[in-house]
Amino acid sequence: MSAARALATWFGCGLSPVAPGTVGSIGAVPLHLALRLANPWVHVAVVVLVTVVGTWSAQKVAEEEQLDDPQLVVIDEVAGVLIAMGLVRSRSFALQLAALALFRVLDIAKPGPIRAAENAKPAGVGIMADDLVAGAAAGVLARLLAR
């Protein structure tokens, strides 16, 4: 397995025959738990790194698969989950799980700006962009729920 494919599938999570996006989202939770222990700026830096590497690897796999958004690419879900859960990282674990659930709902439903972000070009940018927007929206909604 190439480095691009390993990263894009989040080390095989995207190869799940059932709900690869959900499996990839859950696959991000251990990284989130580790990042909770670090300085918030480290969390931000990791999100930026995952986004940059994710854009590159998603583009490579999209080209290999000759698809705009191959289902096996789940590094976008990883970035979205890290954003959503990161925005409530200092709150209860239950709220962090709510942020994860909200992210999945928004990622699947793709309301308004999330769907628009999905259409960004090239393919790697579009693959990542909708999940970044969904992650931010889910994190903000979770913060509002906490009030």
Protein backbone atom coordinates (compact mmCIF):
# COMPACT_ATOMS: atom_id res chain seq x y z
CA MET A 1 0.00 0.00 0.00
CA SER A 2 1.41 3.38 -0.99
CA ALA A 3 1.85 6.15 1.59
CA ALA A 4 -0.89 8.19 -0.10
CA ARG A 5 -3.35 5.29 0.05
CA ALA A 6 -2.45 4.44 3.67
CA LEU A 7 -3.07 8.04 4.73
CA ALA A 8 -6.15 8.57 2.57
CA THR A 9 -7.79 5.43 3.96
CA TRP A 10 -6.60 6.36 7.48
CA PHE A 11 -4.54 3.20 7.71
CA GLY A 12 -7.29 0.97 6.34
CA CYS A 13 -10.40 2.43 7.99
CA GLY A 14 -11.68 3.50 4.57
CA LEU A 15 -11.47 -0.08 3.33
CA SER A 16 -14.38 -1.08 5.57
CA PRO A 17 -17.13 -2.66 3.45
CA VAL A 18 -19.76 -1.03 5.68
CA ALA A 19 -19.93 2.73 6.41
CA PRO A 20 -16.28 3.60 5.67
CA GLY A 21 -16.91 7.29 6.51
CA THR A 22 -18.19 6.39 9.95
CA VAL A 23 -15.34 3.93 10.49
CA GLY A 24 -12.86 6.64 9.47
CA SER A 25 -14.53 9.09 11.84
CA ILE A 26 -14.25 6.63 14.71
CA GLY A 27 -10.67 5.96 13.65
CA ALA A 28 -9.88 9.61 14.41
CA VAL A 29 -11.01 9.37 18.04
CA PRO A 30 -7.74 7.91 19.42
CA LEU A 31 -5.80 10.79 17.86
CA HIS A 32 -8.30 13.27 19.32
CA LEU A 33 -7.91 11.69 22.77
CA ALA A 34 -4.13 12.05 22.54
CA LEU A 35 -4.43 15.65 21.34
CA ARG A 36 -6.71 16.52 24.28
CA LEU A 37 -3.67 16.04 26.50
CA ALA A 38 -1.58 18.47 24.44
CA ASN A 39 -1.60 22.23 24.19
CA PRO A 40 -4.54 23.48 22.04
CA TRP A 41 -2.04 24.91 19.53
CA VAL A 42 -0.63 21.42 19.02
CA HIS A 43 -4.17 20.28 18.24
CA VAL A 44 -4.50 23.10 15.68
CA ALA A 45 -1.12 22.23 14.15
CA VAL A 46 -2.13 18.58 13.79
CA VAL A 47 -5.41 19.57 12.12
CA VAL A 48 -3.45 21.71 9.66
CA LEU A 49 -1.01 18.86 9.02
CA VAL A 50 -3.81 16.32 8.52
CA THR A 51 -5.53 18.78 6.17
CA VAL A 52 -2.41 19.35 4.05
CA VAL A 53 -1.44 15.66 3.94
CA GLY A 54 -5.09 14.73 3.46
CA THR A 55 -5.49 17.03 0.46
CA TRP A 56 -2.39 15.53 -1.16
CA SER A 57 -3.31 11.90 -0.42
CA ALA A 58 -6.98 12.35 -1.37
CA GLN A 59 -5.92 13.87 -4.70
CA LYS A 60 -3.52 10.99 -5.41
CA VAL A 61 -6.12 8.32 -4.60
CA ALA A 62 -8.84 10.16 -6.55
CA GLU A 63 -6.53 10.15 -9.58
CA GLU A 64 -5.65 6.46 -9.09
CA GLU A 65 -9.31 5.49 -8.73
CA GLN A 66 -10.41 7.91 -11.47
CA LEU A 67 -13.20 9.19 -9.20
CA ASP A 68 -13.88 12.68 -7.85
CA ASP A 69 -14.55 11.42 -4.31
CA PRO A 70 -13.66 7.76 -3.75
CA GLN A 71 -15.54 6.29 -0.78
CA LEU A 72 -12.36 4.71 0.55
CA VAL A 73 -10.82 8.16 1.21
CA VAL A 74 -11.62 8.95 4.84
CA ILE A 75 -8.78 11.26 5.91
CA ASP A 76 -11.27 14.07 5.29
CA GLU A 77 -13.46 12.61 8.04
CA VAL A 78 -10.41 12.49 10.31
CA ALA A 79 -9.79 16.22 9.82
CA GLY A 80 -13.48 17.02 10.34
CA VAL A 81 -13.70 14.97 13.53
CA LEU A 82 -10.53 16.57 14.92
CA ILE A 83 -12.07 20.00 14.33
CA ALA A 84 -15.52 19.13 15.71
CA MET A 85 -14.26 17.36 18.81
CA GLY A 86 -11.41 19.82 19.23
CA LEU A 87 -13.82 22.71 19.57
CA VAL A 88 -15.24 21.06 22.70
CA ARG A 89 -12.06 19.30 23.85
CA SER A 90 -12.14 20.82 27.34
CA ARG A 91 -15.80 19.86 27.87
CA SER A 92 -17.29 16.51 28.86
CA PHE A 93 -16.53 13.42 26.82
CA ALA A 94 -20.27 13.08 26.21
CA LEU A 95 -20.26 16.49 24.52
CA GLN A 96 -17.24 15.49 22.47
CA LEU A 97 -19.15 12.41 21.30
CA ALA A 98 -22.11 14.67 20.48
CA ALA A 99 -19.76 16.76 18.32
CA LEU A 100 -18.70 13.57 16.53
CA ALA A 101 -22.34 12.59 15.95
CA LEU A 102 -23.22 16.09 14.73
CA PHE A 103 -20.27 15.94 12.36
CA ARG A 104 -21.52 12.66 10.85
CA VAL A 105 -25.04 14.05 10.42
CA LEU A 106 -23.76 17.21 8.72
CA ASP A 107 -21.26 15.27 6.60
CA ILE A 108 -23.97 12.94 5.34
CA ALA A 109 -26.75 15.55 4.89
CA LYS A 110 -24.39 18.22 3.47
CA PRO A 111 -26.61 21.26 4.04
CA GLY A 112 -25.87 24.54 2.21
CA PRO A 113 -22.24 25.61 2.48
CA ILE A 114 -21.06 22.07 3.16
CA ARG A 115 -22.37 20.89 -0.22
CA ALA A 116 -20.89 23.99 -1.88
CA ALA A 117 -17.46 23.26 -0.37
CA GLU A 118 -17.61 19.71 -1.74
CA ASN A 119 -17.52 21.13 -5.28
CA ALA A 120 -14.14 22.84 -4.85
CA LYS A 121 -11.47 21.86 -7.36
CA PRO A 122 -9.14 20.06 -7.69
CA ALA A 123 -10.65 16.85 -6.33
CA GLY A 124 -8.38 16.66 -3.26
CA VAL A 125 -9.48 20.12 -2.15
CA GLY A 126 -13.18 19.32 -2.62
CA ILE A 127 -12.82 16.00 -0.79
CA MET A 128 -11.32 17.77 2.23
CA ALA A 129 -13.24 21.07 2.15
CA ASP A 130 -16.75 19.81 2.89
CA ASP A 131 -15.53 17.88 5.92
CA LEU A 132 -13.60 20.86 7.24
CA VAL A 133 -16.76 22.98 7.02
CA ALA A 134 -18.89 20.20 8.53
CA GLY A 135 -16.37 19.77 11.36
CA ALA A 136 -16.38 23.48 12.17
CA ALA A 137 -20.19 23.62 12.06
CA ALA A 138 -20.53 20.52 14.25
CA GLY A 139 -18.07 21.90 16.80
CA VAL A 140 -19.88 25.22 16.96
CA LEU A 141 -23.26 23.46 17.33
CA ALA A 142 -21.84 21.28 20.11
CA ARG A 143 -20.56 24.39 21.90
CA LEU A 144 -24.02 25.91 21.62
CA LEU A 145 -25.53 22.71 23.05
CA ALA A 146 -23.19 23.05 26.03
CA ARG A 147 -24.75 26.40 26.93
